[in-house]
PDB file of all heavy atoms in Angstrom:
ATOM      1  N   HIS A   1      28.320 -17.784  17.636  1.00  0.00           N
ATOM      2  CA  HIS A   1      27.379 -18.903  17.569  1.00  0.00           C
ATOM      3  C   HIS A   1      26.162 -18.652  18.460  1.00  0.00           C
ATOM      4  O   HIS A   1      25.026 -18.956  18.077  1.00  0.00           O
ATOM      5  CB  HIS A   1      28.061 -20.218  17.959  1.00  0.00           C
ATOM      6  CG  HIS A   1      29.003 -20.738  16.927  1.00  0.00           C
ATOM      7  ND1 HIS A   1      28.595 -21.179  15.688  1.00  0.00           N
ATOM      8  CD2 HIS A   1      30.346 -20.881  16.939  1.00  0.00           C
ATOM      9  CE1 HIS A   1      29.637 -21.581  14.990  1.00  0.00           C
ATOM     10  NE2 HIS A   1      30.725 -21.400  15.730  1.00  0.00           N
ATOM     11  N   GLN A   2      26.395 -18.095  19.634  1.00  0.00           N
ATOM     12  CA  GLN A   2      25.280 -17.802  20.534  1.00  0.00           C
ATOM     13  C   GLN A   2      24.370 -16.733  19.941  1.00  0.00           C
ATOM     14  O   GLN A   2      23.143 -16.823  20.043  1.00  0.00           O
ATOM     15  CB  GLN A   2      25.806 -17.371  21.903  1.00  0.00           C
ATOM     16  CG  GLN A   2      26.385 -18.522  22.699  1.00  0.00           C
ATOM     17  CD  GLN A   2      26.957 -18.079  24.038  1.00  0.00           C
ATOM     18  OE1 GLN A   2      27.064 -16.893  24.330  1.00  0.00           O
ATOM     19  NE2 GLN A   2      27.325 -19.055  24.860  1.00  0.00           N
ATOM     20  N   GLU A   3      24.952 -15.729  19.313  1.00  0.00           N
ATOM     21  CA  GLU A   3      24.145 -14.683  18.687  1.00  0.00           C
ATOM     22  C   GLU A   3      23.301 -15.265  17.556  1.00  0.00           C
ATOM     23  O   GLU A   3      22.127 -14.911  17.408  1.00  0.00           O
ATOM     24  CB  GLU A   3      25.035 -13.554  18.169  1.00  0.00           C
ATOM     25  CG  GLU A   3      25.613 -12.683  19.265  1.00  0.00           C
ATOM     26  CD  GLU A   3      26.582 -11.624  18.745  1.00  0.00           C
ATOM     27  OE1 GLU A   3      27.085 -11.778  17.610  1.00  0.00           O
ATOM     28  OE2 GLU A   3      26.832 -10.662  19.480  1.00  0.00           O
ATOM     29  N   GLN A   4      23.884 -16.169  16.791  1.00  0.00           N
ATOM     30  CA  GLN A   4      23.142 -16.816  15.710  1.00  0.00           C
ATOM     31  C   GLN A   4      21.986 -17.643  16.285  1.00  0.00           C
ATOM     32  O   GLN A   4      20.866 -17.596  15.778  1.00  0.00           O
ATOM     33  CB  GLN A   4      24.058 -17.705  14.874  1.00  0.00           C
ATOM     34  CG  GLN A   4      23.342 -18.395  13.727  1.00  0.00           C
ATOM     35  CD  GLN A   4      24.264 -19.300  12.932  1.00  0.00           C
ATOM     36  OE1 GLN A   4      25.446 -19.407  13.219  1.00  0.00           O
ATOM     37  NE2 GLN A   4      23.704 -19.945  11.921  1.00  0.00           N
ATOM     38  N   THR A   5      22.254 -18.365  17.348  1.00  0.00           N
ATOM     39  CA  THR A   5      21.216 -19.174  17.986  1.00  0.00           C
ATOM     40  C   THR A   5      20.096 -18.300  18.527  1.00  0.00           C
ATOM     41  O   THR A   5      18.914 -18.612  18.358  1.00  0.00           O
ATOM     42  CB  THR A   5      21.824 -20.032  19.115  1.00  0.00           C
ATOM     43  OG1 THR A   5      22.825 -20.884  18.559  1.00  0.00           O
ATOM     44  CG2 THR A   5      20.767 -20.879  19.801  1.00  0.00           C
ATOM     45  N   VAL A   6      20.449 -17.200  19.159  1.00  0.00           N
ATOM     46  CA  VAL A   6      19.440 -16.286  19.692  1.00  0.00           C
ATOM     47  C   VAL A   6      18.598 -15.715  18.550  1.00  0.00           C
ATOM     48  O   VAL A   6      17.358 -15.621  18.663  1.00  0.00           O
ATOM     49  CB  VAL A   6      20.099 -15.158  20.516  1.00  0.00           C
ATOM     50  CG1 VAL A   6      19.107 -14.045  20.821  1.00  0.00           C
ATOM     51  CG2 VAL A   6      20.675 -15.714  21.811  1.00  0.00           C
ATOM     52  N   ASP A   7      19.214 -15.356  17.439  1.00  0.00           N
ATOM     53  CA  ASP A   7      18.467 -14.843  16.286  1.00  0.00           C
ATOM     54  C   ASP A   7      17.508 -15.898  15.735  1.00  0.00           C
ATOM     55  O   ASP A   7      16.357 -15.596  15.400  1.00  0.00           O
ATOM     56  CB  ASP A   7      19.426 -14.380  15.184  1.00  0.00           C
ATOM     57  CG  ASP A   7      20.166 -13.101  15.549  1.00  0.00           C
ATOM     58  OD1 ASP A   7      19.713 -12.384  16.475  1.00  0.00           O
ATOM     59  OD2 ASP A   7      21.201 -12.822  14.902  1.00  0.00           O
ATOM     60  N   GLU A   8      17.973 -17.140  15.643  1.00  0.00           N
ATOM     61  CA  GLU A   8      17.117 -18.217  15.154  1.00  0.00           C
ATOM     62  C   GLU A   8      15.948 -18.454  16.100  1.00  0.00           C
ATOM     63  O   GLU A   8      14.803 -18.610  15.660  1.00  0.00           O
ATOM     64  CB  GLU A   8      17.923 -19.507  14.985  1.00  0.00           C
ATOM     65  CG  GLU A   8      18.915 -19.460  13.833  1.00  0.00           C
ATOM     66  CD  GLU A   8      19.860 -20.655  13.805  1.00  0.00           C
ATOM     67  OE1 GLU A   8      19.731 -21.549  14.679  1.00  0.00           O
ATOM     68  OE2 GLU A   8      20.722 -20.697  12.912  1.00  0.00           O
ATOM     69  N   LEU A   9      16.229 -18.468  17.396  1.00  0.00           N
ATOM     70  CA  LEU A   9      15.170 -18.653  18.382  1.00  0.00           C
ATOM     71  C   LEU A   9      14.164 -17.504  18.346  1.00  0.00           C
ATOM     72  O   LEU A   9      12.966 -17.709  18.482  1.00  0.00           O
ATOM     73  CB  LEU A   9      15.759 -18.809  19.782  1.00  0.00           C
ATOM     74  CG  LEU A   9      16.520 -20.107  20.045  1.00  0.00           C
ATOM     75  CD1 LEU A   9      17.199 -20.052  21.412  1.00  0.00           C
ATOM     76  CD2 LEU A   9      15.586 -21.304  19.956  1.00  0.00           C
ATOM     77  N   SER A  10      14.670 -16.316  18.144  1.00  0.00           N
ATOM     78  CA  SER A  10      13.790 -15.159  18.053  1.00  0.00           C
ATOM     79  C   SER A  10      12.847 -15.292  16.864  1.00  0.00           C
ATOM     80  O   SER A  10      11.651 -14.981  16.961  1.00  0.00           O
ATOM     81  CB  SER A  10      14.619 -13.883  17.935  1.00  0.00           C
ATOM     82  OG  SER A  10      13.779 -12.761  17.838  1.00  0.00           O
ATOM     83  N   SER A  11      13.355 -15.776  15.750  1.00  0.00           N
ATOM     84  CA  SER A  11      12.517 -15.987  14.567  1.00  0.00           C
ATOM     85  C   SER A  11      11.455 -17.039  14.834  1.00  0.00           C
ATOM     86  O   SER A  11      10.290 -16.882  14.451  1.00  0.00           O
ATOM     87  CB  SER A  11      13.368 -16.421  13.371  1.00  0.00           C
ATOM     88  OG  SER A  11      14.234 -15.403  12.983  1.00  0.00           O
ATOM     89  N   VAL A  12      11.838 -18.112  15.498  1.00  0.00           N
ATOM     90  CA  VAL A  12      10.883 -19.172  15.815  1.00  0.00           C
ATOM     91  C   VAL A  12       9.797 -18.636  16.746  1.00  0.00           C
ATOM     92  O   VAL A  12       8.607 -18.904  16.542  1.00  0.00           O
ATOM     93  CB  VAL A  12      11.596 -20.393  16.438  1.00  0.00           C
ATOM     94  CG1 VAL A  12      10.600 -21.374  17.010  1.00  0.00           C
ATOM     95  CG2 VAL A  12      12.488 -21.068  15.412  1.00  0.00           C
ATOM     96  N   VAL A  13      10.178 -17.883  17.737  1.00  0.00           N
ATOM     97  CA  VAL A  13       9.201 -17.318  18.673  1.00  0.00           C
ATOM     98  C   VAL A  13       8.253 -16.374  17.936  1.00  0.00           C
ATOM     99  O   VAL A  13       7.040 -16.386  18.176  1.00  0.00           O
ATOM    100  CB  VAL A  13       9.908 -16.601  19.847  1.00  0.00           C
ATOM    101  CG1 VAL A  13       8.919 -15.788  20.667  1.00  0.00           C
ATOM    102  CG2 VAL A  13      10.626 -17.606  20.721  1.00  0.00           C
ATOM    103  N   ALA A  14       8.763 -15.574  17.020  1.00  0.00           N
ATOM    104  CA  ALA A  14       7.913 -14.660  16.250  1.00  0.00           C
ATOM    105  C   ALA A  14       6.922 -15.443  15.390  1.00  0.00           C
ATOM    106  O   ALA A  14       5.734 -15.091  15.331  1.00  0.00           O
ATOM    107  CB  ALA A  14       8.774 -13.752  15.379  1.00  0.00           C
ATOM    108  N   GLU A  15       7.382 -16.507  14.740  1.00  0.00           N
ATOM    109  CA  GLU A  15       6.490 -17.342  13.936  1.00  0.00           C
ATOM    110  C   GLU A  15       5.408 -17.969  14.806  1.00  0.00           C
ATOM    111  O   GLU A  15       4.234 -18.001  14.432  1.00  0.00           O
ATOM    112  CB  GLU A  15       7.279 -18.443  13.222  1.00  0.00           C
ATOM    113  CG  GLU A  15       8.154 -17.958  12.096  1.00  0.00           C
ATOM    114  CD  GLU A  15       9.019 -19.068  11.512  1.00  0.00           C
ATOM    115  OE1 GLU A  15       8.640 -20.256  11.619  1.00  0.00           O
ATOM    116  OE2 GLU A  15      10.074 -18.752  10.936  1.00  0.00           O
ATOM    117  N   GLN A  16       5.815 -18.482  15.957  1.00  0.00           N
ATOM    118  CA  GLN A  16       4.846 -19.112  16.854  1.00  0.00           C
ATOM    119  C   GLN A  16       3.850 -18.097  17.393  1.00  0.00           C
ATOM    120  O   GLN A  16       2.666 -18.398  17.558  1.00  0.00           O
ATOM    121  CB  GLN A  16       5.556 -19.834  17.997  1.00  0.00           C
ATOM    122  CG  GLN A  16       6.271 -21.083  17.533  1.00  0.00           C
ATOM    123  CD  GLN A  16       7.008 -21.796  18.657  1.00  0.00           C
ATOM    124  OE1 GLN A  16       7.237 -21.232  19.721  1.00  0.00           O
ATOM    125  NE2 GLN A  16       7.387 -23.032  18.412  1.00  0.00           N
ATOM    126  N   SER A  17       4.310 -16.902  17.643  1.00  0.00           N
ATOM    127  CA  SER A  17       3.413 -15.849  18.113  1.00  0.00           C
ATOM    128  C   SER A  17       2.358 -15.542  17.048  1.00  0.00           C
ATOM    129  O   SER A  17       1.172 -15.395  17.365  1.00  0.00           O
ATOM    130  CB  SER A  17       4.208 -14.590  18.452  1.00  0.00           C
ATOM    131  OG  SER A  17       3.340 -13.555  18.828  1.00  0.00           O
ATOM    132  N   ASN A  18       2.792 -15.458  15.791  1.00  0.00           N
ATOM    133  CA  ASN A  18       1.842 -15.223  14.703  1.00  0.00           C
ATOM    134  C   ASN A  18       0.845 -16.371  14.590  1.00  0.00           C
ATOM    135  O   ASN A  18      -0.350 -16.148  14.376  1.00  0.00           O
ATOM    136  CB  ASN A  18       2.581 -15.046  13.372  1.00  0.00           C
ATOM    137  CG  ASN A  18       3.370 -13.758  13.318  1.00  0.00           C
ATOM    138  OD1 ASN A  18       3.072 -12.801  14.027  1.00  0.00           O
ATOM    139  ND2 ASN A  18       4.382 -13.725  12.484  1.00  0.00           N
ATOM    140  N   LEU A  19       1.322 -17.592  14.737  1.00  0.00           N
ATOM    141  CA  LEU A  19       0.447 -18.752  14.664  1.00  0.00           C
ATOM    142  C   LEU A  19      -0.552 -18.751  15.818  1.00  0.00           C
ATOM    143  O   LEU A  19      -1.740 -19.030  15.624  1.00  0.00           O
ATOM    144  CB  LEU A  19       1.270 -20.041  14.680  1.00  0.00           C
ATOM    145  CG  LEU A  19       0.480 -21.342  14.601  1.00  0.00           C
ATOM    146  CD1 LEU A  19      -0.375 -21.405  13.333  1.00  0.00           C
ATOM    147  CD2 LEU A  19       1.431 -22.526  14.664  1.00  0.00           C
ATOM    148  N   VAL A  20      -0.098 -18.411  17.010  1.00  0.00           N
ATOM    149  CA  VAL A  20      -0.999 -18.349  18.168  1.00  0.00           C
ATOM    150  C   VAL A  20      -2.082 -17.297  17.930  1.00  0.00           C
ATOM    151  O   VAL A  20      -3.262 -17.529  18.216  1.00  0.00           O
ATOM    152  CB  VAL A  20      -0.215 -18.070  19.473  1.00  0.00           C
ATOM    153  CG1 VAL A  20      -1.149 -17.679  20.602  1.00  0.00           C
ATOM    154  CG2 VAL A  20       0.617 -19.277  19.861  1.00  0.00           C
ATOM    155  N   GLU A  21      -1.717 -16.171  17.383  1.00  0.00           N
ATOM    156  CA  GLU A  21      -2.695 -15.120  17.080  1.00  0.00           C
ATOM    157  C   GLU A  21      -3.718 -15.616  16.058  1.00  0.00           C
ATOM    158  O   GLU A  21      -4.918 -15.378  16.207  1.00  0.00           O
ATOM    159  CB  GLU A  21      -2.002 -13.855  16.572  1.00  0.00           C
ATOM    160  CG  GLU A  21      -1.262 -13.091  17.642  1.00  0.00           C
ATOM    161  CD  GLU A  21      -2.188 -12.572  18.734  1.00  0.00           C
ATOM    162  OE1 GLU A  21      -3.315 -12.124  18.426  1.00  0.00           O
ATOM    163  OE2 GLU A  21      -1.790 -12.645  19.905  1.00  0.00           O
ATOM    164  N   LEU A  22      -3.245 -16.300  15.027  1.00  0.00           N
ATOM    165  CA  LEU A  22      -4.135 -16.848  14.007  1.00  0.00           C
ATOM    166  C   LEU A  22      -5.100 -17.860  14.625  1.00  0.00           C
ATOM    167  O   LEU A  22      -6.310 -17.821  14.387  1.00  0.00           O
ATOM    168  CB  LEU A  22      -3.318 -17.509  12.895  1.00  0.00           C
ATOM    169  CG  LEU A  22      -4.112 -18.245  11.825  1.00  0.00           C
ATOM    170  CD1 LEU A  22      -4.905 -17.268  10.970  1.00  0.00           C
ATOM    171  CD2 LEU A  22      -3.168 -19.065  10.955  1.00  0.00           C
ATOM    172  N   LEU A  23      -4.567 -18.767  15.436  1.00  0.00           N
ATOM    173  CA  LEU A  23      -5.406 -19.778  16.076  1.00  0.00           C
ATOM    174  C   LEU A  23      -6.395 -19.143  17.055  1.00  0.00           C
ATOM    175  O   LEU A  23      -7.538 -19.591  17.173  1.00  0.00           O
ATOM    176  CB  LEU A  23      -4.530 -20.817  16.782  1.00  0.00           C
ATOM    177  CG  LEU A  23      -3.692 -21.696  15.853  1.00  0.00           C
ATOM    178  CD1 LEU A  23      -2.736 -22.560  16.665  1.00  0.00           C
ATOM    179  CD2 LEU A  23      -4.562 -22.545  14.963  1.00  0.00           C
ATOM    180  N   HIS A  24      -5.965 -18.106  17.737  1.00  0.00           N
ATOM    181  CA  HIS A  24      -6.857 -17.398  18.664  1.00  0.00           C
ATOM    182  C   HIS A  24      -8.026 -16.787  17.901  1.00  0.00           C
ATOM    183  O   HIS A  24      -9.182 -16.871  18.340  1.00  0.00           O
ATOM    184  CB  HIS A  24      -6.071 -16.317  19.417  1.00  0.00           C
ATOM    185  CG  HIS A  24      -6.884 -15.599  20.436  1.00  0.00           C
ATOM    186  ND1 HIS A  24      -7.523 -14.421  20.166  1.00  0.00           N
ATOM    187  CD2 HIS A  24      -7.164 -15.904  21.725  1.00  0.00           C
ATOM    188  CE1 HIS A  24      -8.171 -14.024  21.239  1.00  0.00           C
ATOM    189  NE2 HIS A  24      -7.974 -14.911  22.205  1.00  0.00           N
ATOM    190  N   GLU A  25      -7.744 -16.186  16.766  1.00  0.00           N
ATOM    191  CA  GLU A  25      -8.803 -15.578  15.946  1.00  0.00           C
ATOM    192  C   GLU A  25      -9.756 -16.658  15.425  1.00  0.00           C
ATOM    193  O   GLU A  25     -10.978 -16.478  15.447  1.00  0.00           O
ATOM    194  CB  GLU A  25      -8.194 -14.797  14.786  1.00  0.00           C
ATOM    195  CG  GLU A  25      -9.197 -14.184  13.850  1.00  0.00           C
ATOM    196  CD  GLU A  25     -10.136 -13.190  14.499  1.00  0.00           C
ATOM    197  OE1 GLU A  25      -9.766 -12.600  15.535  1.00  0.00           O
ATOM    198  OE2 GLU A  25     -11.260 -13.006  13.976  1.00  0.00           O
ATOM    199  N   GLN A  26      -9.213 -17.790  14.979  1.00  0.00           N
ATOM    200  CA  GLN A  26     -10.060 -18.886  14.503  1.00  0.00           C
ATOM    201  C   GLN A  26     -10.943 -19.414  15.638  1.00  0.00           C
ATOM    202  O   GLN A  26     -12.128 -19.690  15.439  1.00  0.00           O
ATOM    203  CB  GLN A  26      -9.213 -20.010  13.925  1.00  0.00           C
ATOM    204  CG  GLN A  26      -8.576 -19.665  12.601  1.00  0.00           C
ATOM    205  CD  GLN A  26      -7.677 -20.784  12.082  1.00  0.00           C
ATOM    206  OE1 GLN A  26      -7.318 -21.696  12.821  1.00  0.00           O
ATOM    207  NE2 GLN A  26      -7.310 -20.703  10.820  1.00  0.00           N
ATOM    208  N   LEU A  27     -10.371 -19.562  16.814  1.00  0.00           N
ATOM    209  CA  LEU A  27     -11.131 -20.036  17.969  1.00  0.00           C
ATOM    210  C   LEU A  27     -12.246 -19.058  18.329  1.00  0.00           C
ATOM    211  O   LEU A  27     -13.376 -19.459  18.626  1.00  0.00           O
ATOM    212  CB  LEU A  27     -10.198 -20.241  19.170  1.00  0.00           C
ATOM    213  CG  LEU A  27     -10.854 -20.700  20.459  1.00  0.00           C
ATOM    214  CD1 LEU A  27     -11.529 -22.050  20.277  1.00  0.00           C
ATOM    215  CD2 LEU A  27      -9.822 -20.770  21.571  1.00  0.00           C
ATOM    216  N   ARG A  28     -11.955 -17.771  18.257  1.00  0.00           N
ATOM    217  CA  ARG A  28     -12.963 -16.756  18.557  1.00  0.00           C
ATOM    218  C   ARG A  28     -14.121 -16.858  17.570  1.00  0.00           C
ATOM    219  O   ARG A  28     -15.292 -16.849  17.950  1.00  0.00           O
ATOM    220  CB  ARG A  28     -12.342 -15.362  18.511  1.00  0.00           C
ATOM    221  CG  ARG A  28     -13.291 -14.251  18.981  1.00  0.00           C
ATOM    222  CD  ARG A  28     -12.738 -12.869  18.686  1.00  0.00           C
ATOM    223  NE  ARG A  28     -12.600 -12.605  17.268  1.00  0.00           N
ATOM    224  CZ  ARG A  28     -13.621 -12.358  16.419  1.00  0.00           C
ATOM    225  NH1 ARG A  28     -14.860 -12.363  16.851  1.00  0.00           N
ATOM    226  NH2 ARG A  28     -13.398 -12.110  15.155  1.00  0.00           N
ATOM    227  N   ARG A  29     -13.787 -16.987  16.270  1.00  0.00           N
ATOM    228  CA  ARG A  29     -14.838 -17.104  15.260  1.00  0.00           C
ATOM    229  C   ARG A  29     -15.658 -18.380  15.450  1.00  0.00           C
ATOM    230  O   ARG A  29     -16.881 -18.360  15.351  1.00  0.00           O
ATOM    231  CB  ARG A  29     -14.240 -17.072  13.851  1.00  0.00           C
ATOM    232  CG  ARG A  29     -13.949 -15.651  13.377  1.00  0.00           C
ATOM    233  CD  ARG A  29     -13.551 -15.609  11.918  1.00  0.00           C
ATOM    234  NE  ARG A  29     -12.106 -15.803  11.852  1.00  0.00           N
ATOM    235  CZ  ARG A  29     -11.480 -16.662  11.066  1.00  0.00           C
ATOM    236  NH1 ARG A  29     -12.134 -17.417  10.229  1.00  0.00           N
ATOM    237  NH2 ARG A  29     -10.168 -16.770  11.088  1.00  0.00           N
ATOM    238  N   MET A  30     -14.980 -19.483  15.717  1.00  0.00           N
ATOM    239  CA  MET A  30     -15.688 -20.750  15.896  1.00  0.00           C
ATOM    240  C   MET A  30     -16.572 -20.720  17.141  1.00  0.00           C
ATOM    241  O   MET A  30     -17.682 -21.260  17.126  1.00  0.00           O
ATOM    242  CB  MET A  30     -14.684 -21.907  15.970  1.00  0.00           C
ATOM    243  CG  MET A  30     -14.003 -22.165  14.634  1.00  0.00           C
ATOM    244  SD  MET A  30     -12.682 -23.374  14.737  1.00  0.00           S
ATOM    245  CE  MET A  30     -13.613 -24.866  14.877  1.00  0.00           C
ATOM    246  N   SER A  31     -16.108 -20.084  18.190  1.00  0.00           N
ATOM    247  CA  SER A  31     -16.920 -19.947  19.398  1.00  0.00           C
ATOM    248  C   SER A  31     -18.187 -19.158  19.098  1.00  0.00           C
ATOM    249  O   SER A  31     -19.274 -19.497  19.571  1.00  0.00           O
ATOM    250  CB  SER A  31     -16.124 -19.265  20.509  1.00  0.00           C
ATOM    251  OG  SER A  31     -15.079 -20.089  20.940  1.00  0.00           O
ATOM    252  N   GLY A  32     -18.035 -18.106  18.297  1.00  0.00           N
ATOM    253  CA  GLY A  32     -19.201 -17.320  17.893  1.00  0.00           C
ATOM    254  C   GLY A  32     -20.182 -18.149  17.082  1.00  0.00           C
ATOM    255  O   GLY A  32     -21.408 -18.069  17.281  1.00  0.00           O
ATOM    256  N   GLN A  33     -19.654 -18.954  16.164  1.00  0.00           N
ATOM    257  CA  GLN A  33     -20.516 -19.797  15.342  1.00  0.00           C
ATOM    258  C   GLN A  33     -21.246 -20.833  16.200  1.00  0.00           C
ATOM    259  O   GLN A  33     -22.433 -21.094  15.993  1.00  0.00           O
ATOM    260  CB  GLN A  33     -19.694 -20.499  14.256  1.00  0.00           C
ATOM    261  CG  GLN A  33     -19.173 -19.558  13.191  1.00  0.00           C
ATOM    262  CD  GLN A  33     -18.213 -20.243  12.224  1.00  0.00           C
ATOM    263  OE1 GLN A  33     -17.747 -21.339  12.473  1.00  0.00           O
ATOM    264  NE2 GLN A  33     -17.926 -19.574  11.115  1.00  0.00           N
ATOM    265  N   ILE A  34     -20.552 -21.408  17.168  1.00  0.00           N
ATOM    266  CA  ILE A  34     -21.186 -22.387  18.063  1.00  0.00           C
ATOM    267  C   ILE A  34     -22.281 -21.702  18.879  1.00  0.00           C
ATOM    268  O   ILE A  34     -23.355 -22.267  19.089  1.00  0.00           O
ATOM    269  CB  ILE A  34     -20.140 -23.065  18.965  1.00  0.00           C
ATOM    270  CG1 ILE A  34     -19.268 -23.999  18.129  1.00  0.00           C
ATOM    271  CG2 ILE A  34     -20.808 -23.817  20.108  1.00  0.00           C
ATOM    272  CD1 ILE A  34     -18.077 -24.576  18.862  1.00  0.00           C
ATOM    273  N   GLY A  35     -22.008 -20.488  19.323  1.00  0.00           N
ATOM    274  CA  GLY A  35     -23.028 -19.738  20.067  1.00  0.00           C
ATOM    275  C   GLY A  35     -24.256 -19.478  19.213  1.00  0.00           C
ATOM    276  O   GLY A  35     -25.390 -19.616  19.678  1.00  0.00           O
ATOM    277  N   GLU A  36     -24.050 -19.126  17.949  1.00  0.00           N
ATOM    278  CA  GLU A  36     -25.174 -18.885  17.043  1.00  0.00           C
ATOM    279  C   GLU A  36     -25.962 -20.178  16.820  1.00  0.00           C
ATOM    280  O   GLU A  36     -27.194 -20.173  16.813  1.00  0.00           O
ATOM    281  CB  GLU A  36     -24.672 -18.346  15.704  1.00  0.00           C
ATOM    282  CG  GLU A  36     -24.123 -16.935  15.785  1.00  0.00           C
ATOM    283  CD  GLU A  36     -23.449 -16.499  14.484  1.00  0.00           C
ATOM    284  OE1 GLU A  36     -23.525 -17.243  13.484  1.00  0.00           O
ATOM    285  OE2 GLU A  36     -22.853 -15.406  14.478  1.00  0.00           O
ATOM    286  N   LEU A  37     -25.257 -21.284  16.638  1.00  0.00           N
ATOM    287  CA  LEU A  37     -25.936 -22.570  16.450  1.00  0.00           C
ATOM    288  C   LEU A  37     -26.720 -22.968  17.702  1.00  0.00           C
ATOM    289  O   LEU A  37     -27.831 -23.495  17.599  1.00  0.00           O
ATOM    290  CB  LEU A  37     -24.924 -23.663  16.093  1.00  0.00           C
ATOM    291  CG  LEU A  37     -24.330 -23.591  14.697  1.00  0.00           C
ATOM    292  CD1 LEU A  37     -23.215 -24.626  14.546  1.00  0.00           C
ATOM    293  CD2 LEU A  37     -25.392 -23.799  13.644  1.00  0.00           C
ATOM    294  N   ALA A  38     -26.161 -22.708  18.861  1.00  0.00           N
ATOM    295  CA  ALA A  38     -26.854 -23.034  20.111  1.00  0.00           C
ATOM    296  C   ALA A  38     -28.142 -22.222  20.218  1.00  0.00           C
ATOM    297  O   ALA A  38     -29.174 -22.744  20.668  1.00  0.00           O
ATOM    298  CB  ALA A  38     -25.948 -22.768  21.306  1.00  0.00           C
ATOM    299  N   GLU A  39     -28.110 -20.965  19.793  1.00  0.00           N
ATOM    300  CA  GLU A  39     -29.314 -20.142  19.827  1.00  0.00           C
ATOM    301  C   GLU A  39     -30.377 -20.701  18.893  1.00  0.00           C
ATOM    302  O   GLU A  39     -31.565 -20.760  19.243  1.00  0.00           O
ATOM    303  CB  GLU A  39     -28.985 -18.701  19.445  1.00  0.00           C
ATOM    304  CG  GLU A  39     -28.215 -17.936  20.499  1.00  0.00           C
ATOM    305  CD  GLU A  39     -27.854 -16.533  20.043  1.00  0.00           C
ATOM    306  OE1 GLU A  39     -28.398 -16.071  19.013  1.00  0.00           O
ATOM    307  OE2 GLU A  39     -27.027 -15.899  20.718  1.00  0.00           O
ATOM    308  N   VAL A  40     -29.962 -21.130  17.707  1.00  0.00           N
ATOM    309  CA  VAL A  40     -30.906 -21.693  16.741  1.00  0.00           C
ATOM    310  C   VAL A  40     -31.529 -22.961  17.305  1.00  0.00           C
ATOM    311  O   VAL A  40     -32.745 -23.164  17.225  1.00  0.00           O
ATOM    312  CB  VAL A  40     -30.207 -21.984  15.383  1.00  0.00           C
ATOM    313  CG1 VAL A  40     -31.097 -22.810  14.477  1.00  0.00           C
ATOM    314  CG2 VAL A  40     -29.799 -20.686  14.719  1.00  0.00           C
ATOM    315  N   VAL A  41     -30.717 -23.812  17.897  1.00  0.00           N
ATOM    316  CA  VAL A  41     -31.229 -25.060  18.463  1.00  0.00           C
ATOM    317  C   VAL A  41     -32.162 -24.766  19.627  1.00  0.00           C
ATOM    318  O   VAL A  41     -33.227 -25.383  19.761  1.00  0.00           O
ATOM    319  CB  VAL A  41     -30.066 -25.975  18.907  1.00  0.00           C
ATOM    320  CG1 VAL A  41     -30.563 -27.133  19.742  1.00  0.00           C
ATOM    321  CG2 VAL A  41     -29.295 -26.468  17.692  1.00  0.00           C
ATOM    322  N   ASN A  42     -31.804 -23.820  20.463  1.00  0.00           N
ATOM    323  CA  ASN A  42     -32.641 -23.487  21.623  1.00  0.00           C
ATOM    324  C   ASN A  42     -33.932 -22.792  21.219  1.00  0.00           C
ATOM    325  O   ASN A  42     -34.928 -22.862  21.937  1.00  0.00           O
ATOM    326  CB  ASN A  42     -31.871 -22.632  22.621  1.00  0.00           C
ATOM    327  CG  ASN A  42     -30.785 -23.421  23.327  1.00  0.00           C
ATOM    328  OD1 ASN A  42     -30.869 -24.634  23.461  1.00  0.00           O
ATOM    329  ND2 ASN A  42     -29.751 -22.728  23.772  1.00  0.00           N
ATOM    330  N   ASP A  43     -33.917 -22.098  20.073  1.00  0.00           N
ATOM    331  CA  ASP A  43     -35.113 -21.391  19.611  1.00  0.00           C
ATOM    332  C   ASP A  43     -36.116 -22.338  18.954  1.00  0.00           C
ATOM    333  O   ASP A  43     -37.267 -21.973  18.744  1.00  0.00           O
ATOM    334  CB  ASP A  43     -34.728 -20.293  18.608  1.00  0.00           C
ATOM    335  CG  ASP A  43     -34.059 -19.107  19.291  1.00  0.00           C
ATOM    336  OD1 ASP A  43     -34.156 -18.996  20.529  1.00  0.00           O
ATOM    337  OD2 ASP A  43     -33.429 -18.296  18.586  1.00  0.00           O
ATOM    338  N   LYS A  44     -35.714 -23.535  18.637  1.00  0.00           N
ATOM    339  CA  LYS A  44     -36.619 -24.491  18.012  1.00  0.00           C
ATOM    340  C   LYS A  44     -37.719 -24.842  19.014  1.00  0.00           C
ATOM    341  O   LYS A  44     -37.443 -25.185  20.154  1.00  0.00           O
ATOM    342  CB  LYS A  44     -35.851 -25.740  17.586  1.00  0.00           C
ATOM    343  CG  LYS A  44     -36.696 -26.745  16.867  1.00  0.00           C
ATOM    344  CD  LYS A  44     -35.877 -27.935  16.424  1.00  0.00           C
ATOM    345  CE  LYS A  44     -36.791 -28.946  15.769  1.00  0.00           C
ATOM    346  NZ  LYS A  44     -36.103 -30.173  15.438  1.00  0.00           N
TER     347      LYS A  44
END
């Protein structure tokens, strides 16, 4: 039972790790877009 629980937890951690990576990439892209918009606004 403990081995099964550890395997299930390992799967959950792997899924969460993938989600964190995805969210990190989205945040990086959005930060870049905000920076570009700030430049456009400041250049006006």
